[in-house]
Amino acid sequence: MRAVVFERYGEPAEVRDVADPEPAEHGVVVRVEATGLCRSDWHGWQGHDPDIALPHVPGHELAGVVEAVGSRVTRWRPGDRVTVPFICACGTCPSCAAGDHQVCERQTQPGFTHWGSFAQYVALDHADVNLVPVPEELSCATAASLGCRFATAYRAVVQQGRVAAGEWVAVQGCGGVGLSAVMIAAASGARVVAVDVSARALDLAREFGAAHCLDAASVADPAAAVRDLTGGGAHLSLDALGSPTTCAASVNGLRRRGRHVQVGLLPSPAGTTPVPMARAIALELELLGSHGMAAHSYPPMLELVRSGVLRPDLLVTSTIPLDEAPAALAAMGAAPGAGVTVVEPWS
């Protein structure tokens, strides 16, 4: 099969022929019809993820068709259209037994713990626990974005963030996850302040329901600007980019007893990121993490997609062939981009 491969962190990846994967007894091999290009893939390429072993094939949000099944798989057969959370749970550890598959103690992640979906085929573990059927009316390009950015945003806003109609929600960073969060929060009846430095990203945020769009580069203190726009601060704020600056701005933009949800990865050489804890203490803020969403939690989100309340298809702003993926991956470091870029390995 053809796949995007990198041999060294931060150096150009290339498309080459590699061996086809084989399914584990509990797993499947999926023919990849579409796979999203995510900032997490860029972090992996930069060497920020200790699970990656070189040489490596990135890619973790995908949709496609089951090609082969392992001997212990009972729920799936070749030809099924599927997607999958980027966290593949084992289904048997204590966290999984509690329903918390997104923090599985023995999780695997395509594109991180093993070769991923920037390829024509990808192997996925524990298929009976992790695969999600793709409705016929949903394109693979749209379904690919569900496995990471859209499902991650849904859980961050609805489940972890506990958004309520009428609340103010601030979204720091309007890439794929951030724009998904804007759409989901607005559809939930919240009033959204979208924050970014890209005019294109803010235009899309406005299109997806943001009440205010704030250019962070145009103000001295974005957190103070959020507090002014919301009459005292957001009830819920998300850092959807993942940087010390956007993390601090998210926390500092909250009102009393507000909720911060960290969605974007925060790699640092020291392994820690400064957080305004004095404000968290004084205002009794909640600081929460959000790490994907379990397959069993997909049905309510998929029903909102099916009914047209949520439109993840509108987030797909470009599709590219596999040969263009290495350059697009490298470009994410300088400009994460607005919307979702989908790679189609067979085009």
Protein backbone atom coordinates (compact mmCIF):
# COMPACT_ATOMS: atom_id res chain seq x y z
CA MET A 1 0.00 0.00 0.00
CA ARG A 2 0.98 3.66 -0.31
CA ALA A 3 1.51 5.60 2.90
CA VAL A 4 3.04 8.80 4.29
CA VAL A 5 6.21 7.85 6.20
CA PHE A 6 8.70 9.89 8.20
CA GLU A 7 12.07 8.54 9.35
CA ARG A 8 13.13 11.42 11.61
CA TYR A 9 11.20 13.93 13.70
CA GLY A 10 10.68 17.27 12.03
CA GLU A 11 12.21 16.19 8.73
CA PRO A 12 10.17 15.87 5.52
CA ALA A 13 7.86 12.88 5.28
CA GLU A 14 7.39 11.09 1.98
CA VAL A 15 4.84 8.89 0.27
CA ARG A 16 6.16 5.39 -0.38
CA ASP A 17 5.09 1.77 -0.75
CA VAL A 18 4.99 -0.21 2.51
CA ALA A 19 3.58 -3.58 3.56
CA ASP A 20 -0.17 -3.90 4.03
CA PRO A 21 -1.25 -4.29 7.68
CA GLU A 22 -2.79 -7.47 9.07
CA PRO A 23 -5.65 -7.49 11.61
CA ALA A 24 -5.06 -8.63 15.18
CA GLU A 25 -7.39 -11.36 16.44
CA HIS A 26 -9.55 -8.68 18.07
CA GLY A 27 -9.03 -6.08 15.35
CA VAL A 28 -9.78 -5.14 11.77
CA VAL A 29 -8.06 -3.60 8.80
CA VAL A 30 -9.93 -0.67 7.27
CA ARG A 31 -9.56 0.61 3.73
CA VAL A 32 -9.11 4.33 4.40
CA GLU A 33 -11.45 6.44 2.28
CA ALA A 34 -10.71 9.71 4.10
CA THR A 35 -8.49 10.85 6.96
CA GLY A 36 -8.28 14.25 8.62
CA LEU A 37 -5.13 16.31 8.95
CA CYS A 38 -4.94 17.32 12.60
CA ARG A 39 -2.55 19.43 14.65
CA SER A 40 -1.96 16.36 16.83
CA ASP A 41 -0.38 14.73 13.78
CA TRP A 42 1.99 17.69 13.55
CA HIS A 43 2.89 17.29 17.24
CA GLY A 44 3.69 13.62 16.60
CA TRP A 45 5.85 14.50 13.60
CA GLN A 46 7.71 17.00 15.77
CA GLY A 47 8.55 14.30 18.33
CA HIS A 48 6.19 15.49 21.06
CA ASP A 49 4.60 12.06 21.62
CA PRO A 50 6.65 9.39 23.42
CA ASP A 51 4.54 6.54 22.00
CA ILE A 52 5.81 7.03 18.45
CA ALA A 53 8.55 4.73 17.17
CA LEU A 54 10.36 5.53 13.93
CA PRO A 55 9.84 5.03 11.04
CA HIS A 56 6.24 6.07 11.40
CA VAL A 57 2.98 6.58 9.49
CA PRO A 58 0.81 9.34 11.07
CA GLY A 59 -2.96 9.82 10.93
CA HIS A 60 -5.61 9.12 13.54
CA GLU A 61 -9.02 10.42 12.43
CA LEU A 62 -10.48 8.34 9.67
CA ALA A 63 -13.42 6.75 7.97
CA GLY A 64 -13.51 3.89 5.54
CA VAL A 65 -14.64 0.36 4.79
CA VAL A 66 -13.75 -2.79 6.72
CA GLU A 67 -11.40 -4.83 4.56
CA ALA A 68 -10.46 -7.74 6.87
CA VAL A 69 -11.49 -8.91 10.35
CA GLY A 70 -9.71 -10.84 13.07
CA SER A 71 -10.88 -14.24 14.22
CA ARG A 72 -12.41 -12.93 17.49
CA VAL A 73 -14.38 -10.05 15.95
CA THR A 74 -18.16 -10.65 16.06
CA ARG A 75 -19.86 -7.32 15.26
CA TRP A 76 -18.20 -6.35 11.98
CA ARG A 77 -17.64 -7.82 8.55
CA PRO A 78 -15.89 -6.76 5.34
CA GLY A 79 -17.80 -4.01 3.55
CA ASP A 80 -19.06 -2.22 6.67
CA ARG A 81 -18.63 1.59 6.58
CA VAL A 82 -17.01 2.68 9.84
CA THR A 83 -15.23 5.38 11.75
CA VAL A 84 -13.40 5.10 15.07
CA PRO A 85 -12.39 7.30 18.01
CA PHE A 86 -8.71 8.18 17.95
CA ILE A 87 -8.44 6.37 21.29
CA CYS A 88 -9.02 2.64 20.84
CA ALA A 89 -9.97 1.20 24.22
CA CYS A 90 -9.24 -2.31 25.43
CA GLY A 91 -12.76 -2.72 26.82
CA THR A 92 -11.69 -4.66 29.93
CA CYS A 93 -9.56 -2.45 32.21
CA PRO A 94 -11.15 -0.72 35.26
CA SER A 95 -11.57 2.56 33.36
CA CYS A 96 -13.31 0.79 30.49
CA ALA A 97 -15.51 -1.13 32.95
CA ALA A 98 -16.61 2.27 34.29
CA GLY A 99 -17.45 3.43 30.77
CA ASP A 100 -14.45 5.78 30.55
CA HIS A 101 -12.99 4.34 27.35
CA GLN A 102 -11.41 7.69 26.48
CA VAL A 103 -8.92 7.23 29.33
CA CYS A 104 -8.44 3.47 28.88
CA GLU A 105 -5.41 2.20 30.77
CA ARG A 106 -4.30 0.04 27.83
CA GLN A 107 -5.42 2.27 24.98
CA THR A 108 -3.93 2.24 21.52
CA GLN A 109 -4.02 5.17 19.11
CA PRO A 110 -3.59 4.80 15.36
CA GLY A 111 -0.96 7.23 14.20
CA PHE A 112 0.73 7.24 17.61
CA THR A 113 1.09 3.82 19.25
CA HIS A 114 1.16 2.18 15.82
CA TRP A 115 1.00 3.14 12.14
CA GLY A 116 -1.94 5.32 11.29
CA SER A 117 -4.33 6.37 8.56
CA PHE A 118 -2.19 8.49 6.22
CA ALA A 119 -2.24 5.30 4.20
CA GLN A 120 -4.51 3.22 2.04
CA TYR A 121 -5.12 0.74 4.87
CA VAL A 122 -4.93 0.95 8.67
CA ALA A 123 -5.16 -1.66 11.43
CA LEU A 124 -7.48 -0.91 14.36
CA ASP A 125 -7.58 -2.73 17.70
CA HIS A 126 -10.50 -4.17 19.70
CA ALA A 127 -12.97 -3.58 16.88
CA ASP A 128 -16.05 -4.75 18.77
CA VAL A 129 -15.42 -2.04 21.38
CA ASN A 130 -14.27 0.81 19.17
CA LEU A 131 -15.79 0.86 15.70
CA VAL A 132 -18.74 3.15 14.98
CA PRO A 133 -21.05 2.59 11.98
CA VAL A 134 -21.16 5.45 9.49
CA PRO A 135 -24.71 6.28 8.34
CA GLU A 136 -25.21 5.93 4.59
CA GLU A 137 -26.11 9.59 4.24
CA LEU A 138 -22.80 10.69 5.79
CA SER A 139 -19.79 10.96 3.46
CA CYS A 140 -16.48 9.46 4.53
CA ALA A 141 -14.88 12.90 4.29
CA THR A 142 -17.34 14.20 6.89
CA ALA A 143 -17.18 11.07 9.03
CA ALA A 144 -13.38 11.23 9.20
CA SER A 145 -13.54 14.45 11.21
CA LEU A 146 -15.75 12.84 13.86
CA GLY A 147 -13.06 10.55 15.25
CA CYS A 148 -10.94 13.31 16.72
CA ARG A 149 -11.79 16.99 16.38
CA PHE A 150 -15.60 16.93 16.22
CA ALA A 151 -16.18 14.20 18.81
CA THR A 152 -13.48 15.73 20.99
CA ALA A 153 -15.17 19.13 20.76
CA TYR A 154 -18.59 17.58 21.43
CA ARG A 155 -17.45 15.91 24.62
CA ALA A 156 -15.49 18.99 25.72
CA VAL A 157 -18.48 21.30 25.30
CA VAL A 158 -21.41 19.05 26.20
CA GLN A 159 -20.10 16.40 28.59
CA GLN A 160 -17.04 17.90 30.28
CA GLY A 161 -18.02 21.57 29.89
CA ARG A 162 -21.72 20.98 30.73
CA VAL A 163 -22.79 23.81 28.45
CA ALA A 164 -26.24 25.31 29.10
CA ALA A 165 -28.45 27.47 26.92
CA GLY A 166 -27.87 31.17 27.52
CA GLU A 167 -24.34 30.75 28.87
CA TRP A 168 -21.33 32.55 27.46
CA VAL A 169 -18.76 30.22 25.92
CA ALA A 170 -15.32 31.41 24.83
CA VAL A 171 -13.32 29.34 22.34
CA GLN A 172 -9.61 30.08 22.16
CA GLY A 173 -8.27 28.91 18.79
CA CYS A 174 -10.57 28.30 15.82
CA GLY A 175 -8.94 25.48 13.92
CA GLY A 176 -10.83 22.24 13.36
CA VAL A 177 -11.52 21.54 17.06
CA GLY A 178 -12.28 25.16 17.87
CA LEU A 179 -14.71 25.65 15.00
CA SER A 180 -16.41 22.38 15.95
CA ALA A 181 -16.75 23.71 19.51
CA VAL A 182 -18.22 26.98 18.22
CA MET A 183 -20.81 25.09 16.19
CA ILE A 184 -21.72 22.71 19.02
CA ALA A 185 -21.95 25.43 21.67
CA ALA A 186 -24.09 27.66 19.44
CA ALA A 187 -26.37 24.73 18.59
CA SER A 188 -26.74 24.15 22.35
CA GLY A 189 -28.12 27.67 22.78
CA ALA A 190 -24.97 29.25 24.17
CA ARG A 191 -23.58 32.64 23.16
CA VAL A 192 -20.10 32.14 21.77
CA VAL A 193 -17.03 34.36 21.66
CA ALA A 194 -14.56 32.98 19.11
CA VAL A 195 -10.93 34.03 19.55
CA ASP A 196 -8.21 33.62 16.93
CA VAL A 197 -5.62 35.62 14.97
CA SER A 198 -6.84 34.43 11.55
CA ALA A 199 -9.48 36.45 9.74
CA ARG A 200 -10.52 33.34 7.80
CA ALA A 201 -10.99 31.35 11.00
CA LEU A 202 -13.08 34.11 12.55
CA ASP A 203 -15.22 34.39 9.41
CA LEU A 204 -15.97 30.67 9.65
CA ALA A 205 -16.69 30.97 13.39
CA ARG A 206 -19.21 33.71 12.64
CA GLU A 207 -20.79 31.51 9.98
CA PHE A 208 -21.08 28.65 12.48
CA GLY A 209 -22.87 30.75 15.10
CA ALA A 210 -20.38 32.83 17.09
CA ALA A 211 -21.98 35.94 18.59
CA HIS A 212 -18.63 37.76 18.78
CA CYS A 213 -15.37 37.17 16.92
CA LEU A 214 -12.24 38.52 18.57
CA ASP A 215 -8.92 39.00 16.78
CA ALA A 216 -6.46 38.23 19.58
CA ALA A 217 -3.70 40.12 17.76
CA SER A 218 -5.70 43.34 17.76
CA VAL A 219 -6.10 43.72 21.53
CA ALA A 220 -3.56 44.05 24.31
CA ASP A 221 -5.30 41.54 26.58
CA PRO A 222 -7.62 38.98 24.90
CA ALA A 223 -8.85 37.66 28.26
CA ALA A 224 -9.91 41.15 29.35
CA ALA A 225 -11.64 41.63 26.00
CA VAL A 226 -13.58 38.39 26.54
CA ARG A 227 -14.63 39.57 30.01
CA ASP A 228 -15.84 42.87 28.54
CA LEU A 229 -17.79 41.19 25.73
CA THR A 230 -19.49 38.75 28.12
CA GLY A 231 -20.29 41.16 30.94
CA GLY A 232 -17.88 39.69 33.46
CA GLY A 233 -16.42 36.61 31.84
CA ALA A 234 -17.36 33.38 30.13
CA HIS A 235 -19.21 30.65 31.99
CA LEU A 236 -17.27 28.09 29.97
CA SER A 237 -14.01 28.56 28.09
CA LEU A 238 -12.01 26.13 25.98
CA ASP A 239 -8.40 26.20 24.88
CA ALA A 240 -8.78 24.45 21.55
CA LEU A 241 -5.30 25.34 20.28
CA GLY A 242 -2.95 24.24 23.02
CA SER A 243 -0.37 26.87 23.94
CA PRO A 244 0.62 28.53 27.22
CA THR A 245 -0.83 31.81 25.88
CA THR A 246 -4.24 30.42 24.91
CA CYS A 247 -4.46 28.30 28.07
CA ALA A 248 -3.85 31.33 30.29
CA ALA A 249 -6.25 33.47 28.25
CA SER A 250 -8.96 30.83 28.60
CA VAL A 251 -8.62 30.70 32.39
CA ASN A 252 -8.30 34.46 32.76
CA GLY A 253 -11.38 35.08 30.62
CA LEU A 254 -13.71 33.19 32.98
CA ARG A 255 -16.21 34.67 35.39
CA ARG A 256 -16.56 33.50 38.97
CA ARG A 257 -17.05 29.74 39.23
CA GLY A 258 -16.47 29.37 35.52
CA ARG A 259 -15.22 26.22 33.80
CA HIS A 260 -12.05 25.92 31.73
CA VAL A 261 -11.65 22.86 29.48
CA GLN A 262 -8.20 22.10 28.08
CA VAL A 263 -8.57 20.41 24.72
CA GLY A 264 -5.44 21.36 22.77
CA LEU A 265 -2.23 19.51 23.58
CA LEU A 266 0.28 21.44 25.67
CA PRO A 267 3.75 20.01 25.04
CA SER A 268 6.65 21.75 26.72
CA PRO A 269 10.32 20.86 27.33
CA ALA A 270 9.74 20.88 31.08
CA GLY A 271 6.59 18.79 30.84
CA THR A 272 4.47 21.42 32.58
CA THR A 273 2.62 24.58 31.53
CA PRO A 274 2.09 27.64 33.74
CA VAL A 275 -1.60 28.06 34.64
CA PRO A 276 -3.12 31.06 36.51
CA MET A 277 -3.91 29.03 39.63
CA ALA A 278 -4.29 32.09 41.87
CA ARG A 279 -7.31 33.11 39.80
CA ALA A 280 -8.61 29.54 39.84
CA ILE A 281 -8.51 29.57 43.64
CA ALA A 282 -9.92 33.06 44.15
CA LEU A 283 -12.85 32.58 41.74
CA GLU A 284 -13.41 28.87 42.45
CA LEU A 285 -12.85 27.95 38.84
CA GLU A 286 -13.03 24.41 37.49
CA LEU A 287 -10.07 23.30 35.36
CA LEU A 288 -10.90 20.23 33.30
CA GLY A 289 -9.20 18.10 30.67
CA SER A 290 -10.95 16.48 27.74
CA HIS A 291 -9.44 13.55 25.86
CA GLY A 292 -11.55 12.41 22.93
CA MET A 293 -14.84 10.54 23.27
CA ALA A 294 -15.68 6.85 23.66
CA ALA A 295 -17.39 5.00 20.82
CA HIS A 296 -20.40 4.21 23.00
CA SER A 297 -21.02 7.97 23.43
CA TYR A 298 -21.38 8.64 19.68
CA PRO A 299 -25.15 7.99 19.20
CA PRO A 300 -26.47 11.32 20.61
CA MET A 301 -23.93 13.26 18.56
CA LEU A 302 -24.69 11.24 15.42
CA GLU A 303 -28.41 11.85 15.88
CA LEU A 304 -27.79 15.60 15.96
CA VAL A 305 -25.72 15.22 12.80
CA ARG A 306 -28.39 13.10 11.15
CA SER A 307 -31.11 15.65 11.99
CA GLY A 308 -29.06 18.56 10.65
CA VAL A 309 -28.68 20.33 14.01
CA LEU A 310 -24.92 19.82 13.73
CA ARG A 311 -23.21 20.16 10.35
CA PRO A 312 -19.67 18.74 10.50
CA ASP A 313 -19.72 18.62 6.70
CA LEU A 314 -19.45 22.42 6.65
CA LEU A 315 -16.14 22.19 8.52
CA VAL A 316 -14.45 20.32 5.66
CA THR A 317 -12.84 23.18 3.76
CA SER A 318 -10.43 21.23 1.53
CA THR A 319 -9.60 17.73 0.34
CA ILE A 320 -6.18 16.68 -0.92
CA PRO A 321 -4.59 13.50 -2.32
CA LEU A 322 -2.09 11.48 -0.32
CA ASP A 323 0.84 12.93 -2.27
CA GLU A 324 0.09 16.40 -0.87
CA ALA A 325 -0.17 15.26 2.76
CA PRO A 326 3.56 15.59 3.71
CA ALA A 327 3.67 19.27 2.72
CA ALA A 328 0.32 19.97 4.39
CA LEU A 329 1.53 18.29 7.59
CA ALA A 330 4.68 20.41 7.68
CA ALA A 331 2.71 23.60 7.04
CA MET A 332 0.58 23.11 10.16
CA GLY A 333 3.41 24.32 12.40
CA ALA A 334 3.39 27.78 10.88
CA ALA A 335 -0.36 28.05 10.28
CA PRO A 336 -2.69 25.48 11.90
CA GLY A 337 -5.38 26.54 9.44
CA ALA A 338 -9.10 27.12 9.63
CA GLY A 339 -11.55 24.33 9.00
CA VAL A 340 -10.70 20.73 8.21
CA THR A 341 -8.36 19.37 5.56
CA VAL A 342 -9.19 15.80 4.58
CA VAL A 343 -6.72 13.47 2.86
CA GLU A 344 -8.20 10.94 0.42
CA PRO A 345 -5.58 8.15 0.03
CA TRP A 346 -7.13 6.63 -3.09
CA SER A 347 -7.57 9.83 -5.09
